[in-house]
Amino acid sequence: SDLLNYAGMWLRGNSKGGVKGVFPYYPKKKELRGDRNEIVS
């Protein structure tokens, strides 16, 4: 909650019954594909 001025949290497992937060790091380079898809390269 209250995701402001930060990156969203995602999950990966640890194969031991737990999960951990992972994050999309700040974009350095982006590529535009088509008229709307801006991909972080």
Full PDB file with SEQRES, HELIX, SHEET, SSBOND, CRYST1, ORIGX, SCALE, CONECT and MASTER records, all heavy atoms in Angstrom:
SEQRES   1 A   41  SER ASP LEU LEU ASN TYR ALA GLY MET TRP LEU ARG GLY          
SEQRES   2 A   41  ASN SER LYS GLY GLY VAL LYS GLY VAL PHE PRO TYR TYR          
SEQRES   3 A   41  PRO LYS LYS LYS GLU LEU ARG GLY ASP ARG ASN GLU ILE          
SEQRES   4 A   41  VAL SER                                                      
SHEET    1 AA1 2 TRP A  10  GLY A  13  0                                        
SHEET    2 AA1 2 VAL A  19  VAL A  22 -1                                        
SHEET    1 AA2 2 LYS A  30  ARG A  33  0                                        
SHEET    2 AA2 2 ASN A  37  VAL A  40 -1                                        
CRYST1    1.000    1.000    1.000  90.00  90.00  90.00 P 1           1          
ORIGX1      1.000000  0.000000  0.000000        0.00000                         
ORIGX2      0.000000  1.000000  0.000000        0.00000                         
ORIGX3      0.000000  0.000000  1.000000        0.00000                         
SCALE1      1.000000  0.000000  0.000000        0.00000                         
SCALE2      0.000000  1.000000  0.000000        0.00000                         
SCALE3      0.000000  0.000000  1.000000        0.00000                         
ATOM      1  N   SER A   1       0.842  -1.194   0.000  1.00  0.00           N  
ATOM      2  CA  SER A   1       0.000   0.000   0.000  1.00  0.00           C  
ATOM      3  C   SER A   1       0.875   1.241   0.000  1.00  0.00           C  
ATOM      4  O   SER A   1       2.029   1.214   0.435  1.00  0.00           O  
ATOM      5  CB  SER A   1      -0.912   0.000   1.235  1.00  0.00           C  
ATOM      6  OG  SER A   1      -1.698   1.183   1.286  1.00  0.00           O  
ATOM      7  N   ASP A   2       0.296   2.340  -0.472  1.00  0.00           N  
ATOM      8  CA  ASP A   2       0.972   3.641  -0.494  1.00  0.00           C  
ATOM      9  C   ASP A   2       2.230   3.598  -1.357  1.00  0.00           C  
ATOM     10  O   ASP A   2       3.284   4.124  -0.974  1.00  0.00           O  
ATOM     11  CB  ASP A   2       1.296   4.107   0.926  1.00  0.00           C  
ATOM     12  CG  ASP A   2       1.192   5.624   1.067  1.00  0.00           C  
ATOM     13  OD1 ASP A   2       0.380   6.229   0.348  1.00  0.00           O  
ATOM     14  OD2 ASP A   2       1.927   6.197   1.898  1.00  0.00           O  
ATOM     15  N   LEU A   3       2.102   2.982  -2.514  1.00  0.00           N  
ATOM     16  CA  LEU A   3       3.207   2.927  -3.475  1.00  0.00           C  
ATOM     17  C   LEU A   3       3.305   4.281  -4.172  1.00  0.00           C  
ATOM     18  O   LEU A   3       2.551   4.578  -5.101  1.00  0.00           O  
ATOM     19  CB  LEU A   3       2.966   1.802  -4.486  1.00  0.00           C  
ATOM     20  CG  LEU A   3       3.952   1.681  -5.648  1.00  0.00           C  
ATOM     21  CD1 LEU A   3       5.379   1.509  -5.154  1.00  0.00           C  
ATOM     22  CD2 LEU A   3       3.551   0.539  -6.578  1.00  0.00           C  
ATOM     23  N   LEU A   4       4.230   5.105  -3.712  1.00  0.00           N  
ATOM     24  CA  LEU A   4       4.455   6.442  -4.255  1.00  0.00           C  
ATOM     25  C   LEU A   4       5.954   6.670  -4.385  1.00  0.00           C  
ATOM     26  O   LEU A   4       6.711   6.433  -3.442  1.00  0.00           O  
ATOM     27  CB  LEU A   4       3.852   7.515  -3.330  1.00  0.00           C  
ATOM     28  CG  LEU A   4       2.344   7.436  -3.067  1.00  0.00           C  
ATOM     29  CD1 LEU A   4       1.951   8.394  -1.941  1.00  0.00           C  
ATOM     30  CD2 LEU A   4       1.555   7.756  -4.333  1.00  0.00           C  
ATOM     31  N   ASN A   5       6.390   7.118  -5.555  1.00  0.00           N  
ATOM     32  CA  ASN A   5       7.793   7.485  -5.777  1.00  0.00           C  
ATOM     33  C   ASN A   5       8.744   6.330  -5.454  1.00  0.00           C  
ATOM     34  O   ASN A   5       9.827   6.528  -4.896  1.00  0.00           O  
ATOM     35  CB  ASN A   5       8.164   8.720  -4.950  1.00  0.00           C  
ATOM     36  CG  ASN A   5       9.454   9.376  -5.427  1.00  0.00           C  
ATOM     37  OD1 ASN A   5       9.801   9.296  -6.606  1.00  0.00           O  
ATOM     38  ND2 ASN A   5      10.163  10.017  -4.513  1.00  0.00           N  
ATOM     39  N   TYR A   6       8.352   5.117  -5.813  1.00  0.00           N  
ATOM     40  CA  TYR A   6       9.154   3.926  -5.551  1.00  0.00           C  
ATOM     41  C   TYR A   6       8.760   2.894  -6.597  1.00  0.00           C  
ATOM     42  O   TYR A   6       7.873   3.137  -7.430  1.00  0.00           O  
ATOM     43  CB  TYR A   6       8.872   3.412  -4.133  1.00  0.00           C  
ATOM     44  CG  TYR A   6       9.915   2.483  -3.565  1.00  0.00           C  
ATOM     45  CD1 TYR A   6      11.187   2.947  -3.230  1.00  0.00           C  
ATOM     46  CD2 TYR A   6       9.626   1.141  -3.333  1.00  0.00           C  
ATOM     47  CE1 TYR A   6      12.147   2.105  -2.692  1.00  0.00           C  
ATOM     48  CE2 TYR A   6      10.577   0.289  -2.794  1.00  0.00           C  
ATOM     49  CZ  TYR A   6      11.843   0.773  -2.473  1.00  0.00           C  
ATOM     50  OH  TYR A   6      12.786  -0.068  -1.943  1.00  0.00           O  
ATOM     51  N   ALA A   7       9.393   1.749  -6.587  1.00  0.00           N  
ATOM     52  CA  ALA A   7       9.031   0.667  -7.509  1.00  0.00           C  
ATOM     53  C   ALA A   7       8.121  -0.328  -6.821  1.00  0.00           C  
ATOM     54  O   ALA A   7       8.196  -0.531  -5.605  1.00  0.00           O  
ATOM     55  CB  ALA A   7      10.291  -0.042  -8.007  1.00  0.00           C  
ATOM     56  N   GLY A   8       7.260  -0.975  -7.598  1.00  0.00           N  
ATOM     57  CA  GLY A   8       6.372  -1.989  -7.056  1.00  0.00           C  
ATOM     58  C   GLY A   8       7.134  -3.229  -6.622  1.00  0.00           C  
ATOM     59  O   GLY A   8       8.203  -3.545  -7.138  1.00  0.00           O  
ATOM     60  N   MET A   9       6.557  -3.947  -5.663  1.00  0.00           N  
ATOM     61  CA  MET A   9       7.179  -5.178  -5.187  1.00  0.00           C  
ATOM     62  C   MET A   9       6.572  -6.383  -5.884  1.00  0.00           C  
ATOM     63  O   MET A   9       5.370  -6.461  -6.089  1.00  0.00           O  
ATOM     64  CB  MET A   9       7.003  -5.328  -3.668  1.00  0.00           C  
ATOM     65  CG  MET A   9       7.800  -6.495  -3.084  1.00  0.00           C  
ATOM     66  SD  MET A   9       7.877  -6.491  -1.276  1.00  0.00           S  
ATOM     67  CE  MET A   9       6.395  -7.418  -0.891  1.00  0.00           C  
ATOM     68  N   TRP A  10       7.436  -7.336  -6.255  1.00  0.00           N  
ATOM     69  CA  TRP A  10       7.052  -8.614  -6.835  1.00  0.00           C  
ATOM     70  C   TRP A  10       7.612  -9.712  -5.937  1.00  0.00           C  
ATOM     71  O   TRP A  10       8.267  -9.422  -4.931  1.00  0.00           O  
ATOM     72  CB  TRP A  10       7.609  -8.756  -8.251  1.00  0.00           C  
ATOM     73  CG  TRP A  10       7.129  -7.703  -9.224  1.00  0.00           C  
ATOM     74  CD1 TRP A  10       7.193  -6.349  -9.066  1.00  0.00           C  
ATOM     75  CD2 TRP A  10       6.525  -7.922 -10.501  1.00  0.00           C  
ATOM     76  NE1 TRP A  10       6.671  -5.709 -10.172  1.00  0.00           N  
ATOM     77  CE2 TRP A  10       6.259  -6.653 -11.062  1.00  0.00           C  
ATOM     78  CE3 TRP A  10       6.206  -9.054 -11.229  1.00  0.00           C  
ATOM     79  CZ2 TRP A  10       5.670  -6.500 -12.320  1.00  0.00           C  
ATOM     80  CZ3 TRP A  10       5.628  -8.900 -12.488  1.00  0.00           C  
ATOM     81  CH2 TRP A  10       5.355  -7.645 -13.020  1.00  0.00           C  
ATOM     82  N   LEU A  11       7.377 -10.957  -6.288  1.00  0.00           N  
ATOM     83  CA  LEU A  11       7.810 -12.062  -5.439  1.00  0.00           C  
ATOM     84  C   LEU A  11       8.595 -13.110  -6.223  1.00  0.00           C  
ATOM     85  O   LEU A  11       8.354 -13.334  -7.401  1.00  0.00           O  
ATOM     86  CB  LEU A  11       6.591 -12.761  -4.801  1.00  0.00           C  
ATOM     87  CG  LEU A  11       5.676 -11.946  -3.904  1.00  0.00           C  
ATOM     88  CD1 LEU A  11       4.507 -12.810  -3.440  1.00  0.00           C  
ATOM     89  CD2 LEU A  11       6.433 -11.377  -2.715  1.00  0.00           C  
ATOM     90  N   ARG A  12       9.511 -13.752  -5.505  1.00  0.00           N  
ATOM     91  CA  ARG A  12      10.118 -15.009  -5.928  1.00  0.00           C  
ATOM     92  C   ARG A  12      10.158 -15.931  -4.718  1.00  0.00           C  
ATOM     93  O   ARG A  12      10.198 -15.469  -3.576  1.00  0.00           O  
ATOM     94  CB  ARG A  12      11.538 -14.807  -6.472  1.00  0.00           C  
ATOM     95  CG  ARG A  12      11.602 -14.042  -7.788  1.00  0.00           C  
ATOM     96  CD  ARG A  12      13.006 -14.096  -8.389  1.00  0.00           C  
ATOM     97  NE  ARG A  12      13.155 -13.225  -9.543  1.00  0.00           N  
ATOM     98  CZ  ARG A  12      12.824 -13.551 -10.794  1.00  0.00           C  
ATOM     99  NH1 ARG A  12      12.314 -14.755 -11.033  1.00  0.00           N  
ATOM    100  NH2 ARG A  12      12.990 -12.713 -11.786  1.00  0.00           N  
ATOM    101  N   GLY A  13      10.138 -17.234  -4.972  1.00  0.00           N  
ATOM    102  CA  GLY A  13      10.186 -18.191  -3.882  1.00  0.00           C  
ATOM    103  C   GLY A  13      11.608 -18.497  -3.460  1.00  0.00           C  
ATOM    104  O   GLY A  13      12.582 -18.097  -4.116  1.00  0.00           O  
ATOM    105  N   ASN A  14      11.733 -19.240  -2.326  1.00  0.00           N  
ATOM    106  CA  ASN A  14      13.056 -19.676  -1.886  1.00  0.00           C  
ATOM    107  C   ASN A  14      13.160 -21.198  -1.782  1.00  0.00           C  
ATOM    108  O   ASN A  14      14.148 -21.715  -1.242  1.00  0.00           O  
ATOM    109  CB  ASN A  14      13.432 -19.025  -0.552  1.00  0.00           C  
ATOM    110  CG  ASN A  14      12.515 -19.431   0.588  1.00  0.00           C  
ATOM    111  OD1 ASN A  14      11.688 -20.341   0.461  1.00  0.00           O  
ATOM    112  ND2 ASN A  14      12.640 -18.748   1.721  1.00  0.00           N  
ATOM    113  N   SER A  15      12.139 -21.910  -2.274  1.00  0.00           N  
ATOM    114  CA  SER A  15      12.080 -23.382  -2.270  1.00  0.00           C  
ATOM    115  C   SER A  15      12.056 -23.976  -0.864  1.00  0.00           C  
ATOM    116  O   SER A  15      12.202 -25.185  -0.699  1.00  0.00           O  
ATOM    117  CB  SER A  15      13.269 -23.981  -3.054  1.00  0.00           C  
ATOM    118  OG  SER A  15      13.249 -23.540  -4.395  1.00  0.00           O  
ATOM    119  N   LYS A  16      11.864 -23.139   0.141  1.00  0.00           N  
ATOM    120  CA  LYS A  16      11.834 -23.609   1.528  1.00  0.00           C  
ATOM    121  C   LYS A  16      10.543 -23.204   2.235  1.00  0.00           C  
ATOM    122  O   LYS A  16      10.478 -23.185   3.454  1.00  0.00           O  
ATOM    123  CB  LYS A  16      13.035 -23.055   2.287  1.00  0.00           C  
ATOM    124  CG  LYS A  16      14.387 -23.500   1.744  1.00  0.00           C  
ATOM    125  CD  LYS A  16      15.523 -22.854   2.524  1.00  0.00           C  
ATOM    126  CE  LYS A  16      16.875 -23.265   1.964  1.00  0.00           C  
ATOM    127  NZ  LYS A  16      17.997 -22.610   2.700  1.00  0.00           N  
ATOM    128  N   GLY A  17       9.536 -22.847   1.459  1.00  0.00           N  
ATOM    129  CA  GLY A  17       8.274 -22.444   2.053  1.00  0.00           C  
ATOM    130  C   GLY A  17       8.138 -20.952   2.277  1.00  0.00           C  
ATOM    131  O   GLY A  17       7.217 -20.503   2.950  1.00  0.00           O  
ATOM    132  N   GLY A  18       9.048 -20.168   1.700  1.00  0.00           N  
ATOM    133  CA  GLY A  18       8.986 -18.726   1.853  1.00  0.00           C  
ATOM    134  C   GLY A  18       9.058 -18.001   0.530  1.00  0.00           C  
ATOM    135  O   GLY A  18       9.341 -18.598  -0.521  1.00  0.00           O  
ATOM    136  N   VAL A  19       8.795 -16.696   0.572  1.00  0.00           N  
ATOM    137  CA  VAL A  19       8.920 -15.838  -0.600  1.00  0.00           C  
ATOM    138  C   VAL A  19       9.713 -14.596  -0.205  1.00  0.00           C  
ATOM    139  O   VAL A  19       9.838 -14.262   0.975  1.00  0.00           O  
ATOM    140  CB  VAL A  19       7.550 -15.436  -1.172  1.00  0.00           C  
ATOM    141  CG1 VAL A  19       6.808 -16.644  -1.713  1.00  0.00           C  
ATOM    142  CG2 VAL A  19       6.697 -14.716  -0.129  1.00  0.00           C  
ATOM    143  N   LYS A  20      10.225 -13.922  -1.204  1.00  0.00           N  
ATOM    144  CA  LYS A  20      10.961 -12.683  -0.948  1.00  0.00           C  
ATOM    145  C   LYS A  20      10.550 -11.631  -1.967  1.00  0.00           C  
ATOM    146  O   LYS A  20      10.184 -11.942  -3.102  1.00  0.00           O  
ATOM    147  CB  LYS A  20      12.467 -12.918  -1.016  1.00  0.00           C  
ATOM    148  CG  LYS A  20      12.981 -13.313  -2.384  1.00  0.00           C  
ATOM    149  CD  LYS A  20      14.505 -13.463  -2.383  1.00  0.00           C  
ATOM    150  CE  LYS A  20      15.021 -13.839  -3.778  1.00  0.00           C  
ATOM    151  NZ  LYS A  20      16.502 -13.977  -3.787  1.00  0.00           N  
ATOM    152  N   GLY A  21      10.611 -10.380  -1.547  1.00  0.00           N  
ATOM    153  CA  GLY A  21      10.297  -9.289  -2.439  1.00  0.00           C  
ATOM    154  C   GLY A  21      11.415  -9.038  -3.430  1.00  0.00           C  
ATOM    155  O   GLY A  21      12.598  -9.079  -3.071  1.00  0.00           O  
ATOM    156  N   VAL A  22      11.054  -8.815  -4.678  1.00  0.00           N  
ATOM    157  CA  VAL A  22      12.002  -8.402  -5.712  1.00  0.00           C  
ATOM    158  C   VAL A  22      11.399  -7.197  -6.428  1.00  0.00           C  
ATOM    159  O   VAL A  22      10.180  -6.991  -6.407  1.00  0.00           O  
ATOM    160  CB  VAL A  22      12.323  -9.535  -6.708  1.00  0.00           C  
ATOM    161  CG1 VAL A  22      13.076 -10.654  -6.014  1.00  0.00           C  
ATOM    162  CG2 VAL A  22      11.057 -10.072  -7.355  1.00  0.00           C  
ATOM    163  N   PHE A  23      12.260  -6.411  -7.082  1.00  0.00           N  
ATOM    164  CA  PHE A  23      11.824  -5.118  -7.576  1.00  0.00           C  
ATOM    165  C   PHE A  23      12.379  -4.829  -8.972  1.00  0.00           C  
ATOM    166  O   PHE A  23      13.523  -5.195  -9.269  1.00  0.00           O  
ATOM    167  CB  PHE A  23      12.297  -4.010  -6.619  1.00  0.00           C  
ATOM    168  CG  PHE A  23      11.828  -4.207  -5.209  1.00  0.00           C  
ATOM    169  CD1 PHE A  23      12.550  -5.005  -4.326  1.00  0.00           C  
ATOM    170  CD2 PHE A  23      10.664  -3.621  -4.771  1.00  0.00           C  
ATOM    171  CE1 PHE A  23      12.119  -5.204  -3.029  1.00  0.00           C  
ATOM    172  CE2 PHE A  23      10.218  -3.820  -3.476  1.00  0.00           C  
ATOM    173  CZ  PHE A  23      10.942  -4.613  -2.596  1.00  0.00           C  
ATOM    174  N   PRO A  24      11.598  -4.161  -9.825  1.00  0.00           N  
ATOM    175  CA  PRO A  24      12.140  -3.689 -11.104  1.00  0.00           C  
ATOM    176  C   PRO A  24      13.019  -2.463 -10.845  1.00  0.00           C  
ATOM    177  O   PRO A  24      12.538  -1.421 -10.397  1.00  0.00           O  
ATOM    178  CB  PRO A  24      10.882  -3.328 -11.900  1.00  0.00           C  
ATOM    179  CG  PRO A  24       9.856  -2.995 -10.865  1.00  0.00           C  
ATOM    180  CD  PRO A  24      10.173  -3.840  -9.662  1.00  0.00           C  
ATOM    181  N   TYR A  25      14.310  -2.620 -11.082  1.00  0.00           N  
ATOM    182  CA  TYR A  25      15.232  -1.515 -10.813  1.00  0.00           C  
ATOM    183  C   TYR A  25      15.005  -0.369 -11.811  1.00  0.00           C  
ATOM    184  O   TYR A  25      14.356  -0.524 -12.846  1.00  0.00           O  
ATOM    185  CB  TYR A  25      16.666  -2.021 -10.852  1.00  0.00           C  
ATOM    186  CG  TYR A  25      17.116  -2.625  -9.527  1.00  0.00           C  
ATOM    187  CD1 TYR A  25      16.345  -3.596  -8.885  1.00  0.00           C  
ATOM    188  CD2 TYR A  25      18.287  -2.204  -8.908  1.00  0.00           C  
ATOM    189  CE1 TYR A  25      16.744  -4.142  -7.668  1.00  0.00           C  
ATOM    190  CE2 TYR A  25      18.698  -2.742  -7.691  1.00  0.00           C  
ATOM    191  CZ  TYR A  25      17.920  -3.710  -7.073  1.00  0.00           C  
ATOM    192  OH  TYR A  25      18.310  -4.237  -5.873  1.00  0.00           O  
ATOM    193  N   TYR A  26      15.534   0.783 -11.448  1.00  0.00           N  
ATOM    194  CA  TYR A  26      15.309   2.010 -12.217  1.00  0.00           C  
ATOM    195  C   TYR A  26      15.765   1.832 -13.668  1.00  0.00           C  
ATOM    196  O   TYR A  26      16.859   1.333 -13.918  1.00  0.00           O  
ATOM    197  CB  TYR A  26      16.070   3.156 -11.566  1.00  0.00           C  
ATOM    198  CG  TYR A  26      15.595   4.521 -11.968  1.00  0.00           C  
ATOM    199  CD1 TYR A  26      14.686   5.221 -11.183  1.00  0.00           C  
ATOM    200  CD2 TYR A  26      16.058   5.121 -13.138  1.00  0.00           C  
ATOM    201  CE1 TYR A  26      14.244   6.481 -11.549  1.00  0.00           C  
ATOM    202  CE2 TYR A  26      15.626   6.378 -13.520  1.00  0.00           C  
ATOM    203  CZ  TYR A  26      14.716   7.052 -12.725  1.00  0.00           C  
ATOM    204  OH  TYR A  26      14.273   8.293 -13.100  1.00  0.00           O  
ATOM    205  N   PRO A  27      14.937   2.222 -14.628  1.00  0.00           N  
ATOM    206  CA  PRO A  27      15.316   2.054 -16.037  1.00  0.00           C  
ATOM    207  C   PRO A  27      16.525   2.918 -16.425  1.00  0.00           C  
ATOM    208  O   PRO A  27      16.600   4.095 -16.067  1.00  0.00           O  
ATOM    209  CB  PRO A  27      14.067   2.521 -16.793  1.00  0.00           C  
ATOM    210  CG  PRO A  27      12.956   2.436 -15.803  1.00  0.00           C  
ATOM    211  CD  PRO A  27      13.566   2.726 -14.474  1.00  0.00           C  
ATOM    212  N   LYS A  28      17.448   2.302 -17.141  1.00  0.00           N  
ATOM    213  CA  LYS A  28      18.608   3.025 -17.671  1.00  0.00           C  
ATOM    214  C   LYS A  28      18.441   3.275 -19.163  1.00  0.00           C  
ATOM    215  O   LYS A  28      18.722   4.369 -19.664  1.00  0.00           O  
ATOM    216  CB  LYS A  28      19.888   2.230 -17.410  1.00  0.00           C  
ATOM    217  CG  LYS A  28      21.169   2.941 -17.807  1.00  0.00           C  
ATOM    218  CD  LYS A  28      22.393   2.121 -17.417  1.00  0.00           C  
ATOM    219  CE  LYS A  28      23.681   2.843 -17.726  1.00  0.00           C  
ATOM    220  NZ  LYS A  28      24.879   2.050 -17.316  1.00  0.00           N  
ATOM    221  N   LYS A  29      17.975   2.240 -19.870  1.00  0.00           N  
ATOM    222  CA  LYS A  29      17.693   2.371 -21.295  1.00  0.00           C  
ATOM    223  C   LYS A  29      16.326   1.773 -21.596  1.00  0.00           C  
ATOM    224  O   LYS A  29      15.956   0.736 -21.027  1.00  0.00           O  
ATOM    225  CB  LYS A  29      18.761   1.663 -22.129  1.00  0.00           C  
ATOM    226  CG  LYS A  29      20.143   2.276 -22.061  1.00  0.00           C  
ATOM    227  CD  LYS A  29      21.125   1.523 -22.952  1.00  0.00           C  
ATOM    228  CE  LYS A  29      22.520   2.129 -22.880  1.00  0.00           C  
ATOM    229  NZ  LYS A  29      23.489   1.361 -23.716  1.00  0.00           N  
ATOM    230  N   LYS A  30      15.570   2.405 -22.499  1.00  0.00           N  
ATOM    231  CA  LYS A  30      14.244   1.924 -22.886  1.00  0.00           C  
ATOM    232  C   LYS A  30      14.134   1.897 -24.403  1.00  0.00           C  
ATOM    233  O   LYS A  30      14.752   2.719 -25.088  1.00  0.00           O  
ATOM    234  CB  LYS A  30      13.154   2.821 -22.282  1.00  0.00           C  
ATOM    235  CG  LYS A  30      13.096   2.789 -20.768  1.00  0.00           C  
ATOM    236  CD  LYS A  30      12.076   3.765 -20.207  1.00  0.00           C  
ATOM    237  CE  LYS A  30      12.548   5.190 -20.337  1.00  0.00           C  
ATOM    238  NZ  LYS A  30      11.644   6.150 -19.639  1.00  0.00           N  
ATOM    239  N   GLU A  31      13.345   0.952 -24.885  1.00  0.00           N  
ATOM    240  CA  GLU A  31      13.117   0.822 -26.321  1.00  0.00           C  
ATOM    241  C   GLU A  31      11.619   0.873 -26.592  1.00  0.00           C  
ATOM    242  O   GLU A  31      10.837   0.183 -25.936  1.00  0.00           O  
ATOM    243  CB  GLU A  31      13.680  -0.506 -26.836  1.00  0.00           C  
ATOM    244  CG  GLU A  31      15.173  -0.666 -26.682  1.00  0.00           C  
ATOM    245  CD  GLU A  31      15.662  -2.038 -27.125  1.00  0.00           C  
ATOM    246  OE1 GLU A  31      14.801  -2.826 -27.604  1.00  0.00           O  
ATOM    247  OE2 GLU A  31      16.860  -2.328 -26.986  1.00  0.00           O  
ATOM    248  N   LEU A  32      11.221   1.675 -27.574  1.00  0.00           N  
ATOM    249  CA  LEU A  32       9.825   1.761 -27.963  1.00  0.00           C  
ATOM    250  C   LEU A  32       9.539   0.747 -29.063  1.00  0.00           C  
ATOM    251  O   LEU A  32      10.204   0.747 -30.116  1.00  0.00           O  
ATOM    252  CB  LEU A  32       9.490   3.167 -28.453  1.00  0.00           C  
ATOM    253  CG  LEU A  32       8.035   3.390 -28.883  1.00  0.00           C  
ATOM    254  CD1 LEU A  32       7.077   3.145 -27.724  1.00  0.00           C  
ATOM    255  CD2 LEU A  32       7.854   4.798 -29.452  1.00  0.00           C  
ATOM    256  N   ARG A  33       8.577  -0.115 -28.809  1.00  0.00           N  
ATOM    257  CA  ARG A  33       8.169  -1.112 -29.796  1.00  0.00           C  
ATOM    258  C   ARG A  33       6.706  -0.871 -30.144  1.00  0.00           C  
ATOM    259  O   ARG A  33       5.829  -0.972 -29.288  1.00  0.00           O  
ATOM    260  CB  ARG A  33       8.363  -2.523 -29.241  1.00  0.00           C  
ATOM    261  CG  ARG A  33       9.817  -2.836 -28.908  1.00  0.00           C  
ATOM    262  CD  ARG A  33      10.007  -4.212 -28.330  1.00  0.00           C  
ATOM    263  NE  ARG A  33      11.390  -4.432 -27.882  1.00  0.00           N  
ATOM    264  CZ  ARG A  33      11.806  -5.523 -27.250  1.00  0.00           C  
ATOM    265  NH1 ARG A  33      10.925  -6.508 -27.002  1.00  0.00           N  
ATOM    266  NH2 ARG A  33      13.061  -5.631 -26.861  1.00  0.00           N  
ATOM    267  N   GLY A  34       6.467  -0.535 -31.398  1.00  0.00           N  
ATOM    268  CA  GLY A  34       5.112  -0.192 -31.807  1.00  0.00           C  
ATOM    269  C   GLY A  34       4.740   1.187 -31.317  1.00  0.00           C  
ATOM    270  O   GLY A  34       5.598   2.055 -31.126  1.00  0.00           O  
ATOM    271  N   ASP A  35       3.454   1.395 -31.098  1.00  0.00           N  
ATOM    272  CA  ASP A  35       2.980   2.727 -30.721  1.00  0.00           C  
ATOM    273  C   ASP A  35       2.785   2.904 -29.218  1.00  0.00           C  
ATOM    274  O   ASP A  35       2.396   3.976 -28.772  1.00  0.00           O  
ATOM    275  CB  ASP A  35       1.679   3.050 -31.450  1.00  0.00           C  
ATOM    276  CG  ASP A  35       0.554   2.086 -31.075  1.00  0.00           C  
ATOM    277  OD1 ASP A  35       0.823   1.110 -30.353  1.00  0.00           O  
ATOM    278  OD2 ASP A  35      -0.591   2.312 -31.522  1.00  0.00           O  
ATOM    279  N   ARG A  36       3.082   1.847 -28.392  1.00  0.00           N  
ATOM    280  CA  ARG A  36       2.745   1.968 -26.971  1.00  0.00           C  
ATOM    281  C   ARG A  36       3.632   1.179 -26.017  1.00  0.00           C  
ATOM    282  O   ARG A  36       3.616   1.450 -24.819  1.00  0.00           O  
ATOM    283  CB  ARG A  36       1.292   1.528 -26.767  1.00  0.00           C  
ATOM    284  CG  ARG A  36       1.039   0.050 -27.087  1.00  0.00           C  
ATOM    285  CD  ARG A  36      -0.448  -0.249 -27.212  1.00  0.00           C  
ATOM    286  NE  ARG A  36      -0.985   0.386 -28.390  1.00  0.00           N  
ATOM    287  CZ  ARG A  36      -2.251   0.294 -28.785  1.00  0.00           C  
ATOM    288  NH1 ARG A  36      -3.111  -0.401 -28.068  1.00  0.00           N  
ATOM    289  NH2 ARG A  36      -2.669   0.902 -29.874  1.00  0.00           N  
ATOM    290  N   ASN A  37       4.368   0.204 -26.497  1.00  0.00           N  
ATOM    291  CA  ASN A  37       5.133  -0.676 -25.608  1.00  0.00           C  
ATOM    292  C   ASN A  37       6.541  -0.135 -25.404  1.00  0.00           C  
ATOM    293  O   ASN A  37       7.393  -0.239 -26.281  1.00  0.00           O  
ATOM    294  CB  ASN A  37       5.199  -2.096 -26.180  1.00  0.00           C  
ATOM    295  CG  ASN A  37       3.831  -2.744 -26.240  1.00  0.00           C  
ATOM    296  OD1 ASN A  37       2.945  -2.437 -25.450  1.00  0.00           O  
ATOM    297  ND2 ASN A  37       3.654  -3.648 -27.188  1.00  0.00           N  
ATOM    298  N   GLU A  38       6.796   0.414 -24.230  1.00  0.00           N  
ATOM    299  CA  GLU A  38       8.108   0.937 -23.897  1.00  0.00           C  
ATOM    300  C   GLU A  38       8.811  -0.093 -23.011  1.00  0.00           C  
ATOM    301  O   GLU A  38       8.492  -0.249 -21.834  1.00  0.00           O  
ATOM    302  CB  GLU A  38       7.986   2.281 -23.179  1.00  0.00           C  
ATOM    303  CG  GLU A  38       9.306   3.011 -23.051  1.00  0.00           C  
ATOM    304  CD  GLU A  38       9.142   4.377 -22.418  1.00  0.00           C  
ATOM    305  OE1 GLU A  38       8.779   4.429 -21.225  1.00  0.00           O  
ATOM    306  OE2 GLU A  38       9.369   5.399 -23.098  1.00  0.00           O  
ATOM    307  N   ILE A  39       9.788  -0.793 -23.596  1.00  0.00           N  
ATOM    308  CA  ILE A  39      10.462  -1.907 -22.935  1.00  0.00           C  
ATOM    309  C   ILE A  39      11.749  -1.415 -22.286  1.00  0.00           C  
ATOM    310  O   ILE A  39      12.531  -0.688 -22.910  1.00  0.00           O  
ATOM    311  CB  ILE A  39      10.807  -3.022 -23.949  1.00  0.00           C  
ATOM    312  CG1 ILE A  39       9.568  -3.403 -24.787  1.00  0.00           C  
ATOM    313  CG2 ILE A  39      11.381  -4.234 -23.224  1.00  0.00           C  
ATOM    314  CD1 ILE A  39       8.453  -4.005 -24.010  1.00  0.00           C  
ATOM    315  N   VAL A  40      11.983  -1.815 -21.041  1.00  0.00           N  
ATOM    316  CA  VAL A  40      13.241  -1.489 -20.370  1.00  0.00           C  
ATOM    317  C   VAL A  40      14.287  -2.503 -20.818  1.00  0.00           C  
ATOM    318  O   VAL A  40      14.168  -3.704 -20.556  1.00  0.00           O  
ATOM    319  CB  VAL A  40      13.079  -1.521 -18.845  1.00  0.00           C  
ATOM    320  CG1 VAL A  40      14.422  -1.243 -18.168  1.00  0.00           C  
ATOM    321  CG2 VAL A  40      12.038  -0.500 -18.394  1.00  0.00           C  
ATOM    322  N   SER A  41      15.325  -2.033 -21.493  1.00  0.00           N  
ATOM    323  CA  SER A  41      16.367  -2.919 -22.016  1.00  0.00           C  
ATOM    324  C   SER A  41      17.589  -2.984 -21.110  1.00  0.00           C  
ATOM    325  O   SER A  41      18.392  -3.914 -21.201  1.00  0.00           O  
ATOM    326  CB  SER A  41      16.786  -2.471 -23.419  1.00  0.00           C  
ATOM    327  OG  SER A  41      17.231  -1.120 -23.399  1.00  0.00           O  
TER     328      SER A  41                                                      
MASTER        0    0    0    0    4    0    0    6  327    1    0    4          
END                                                                             
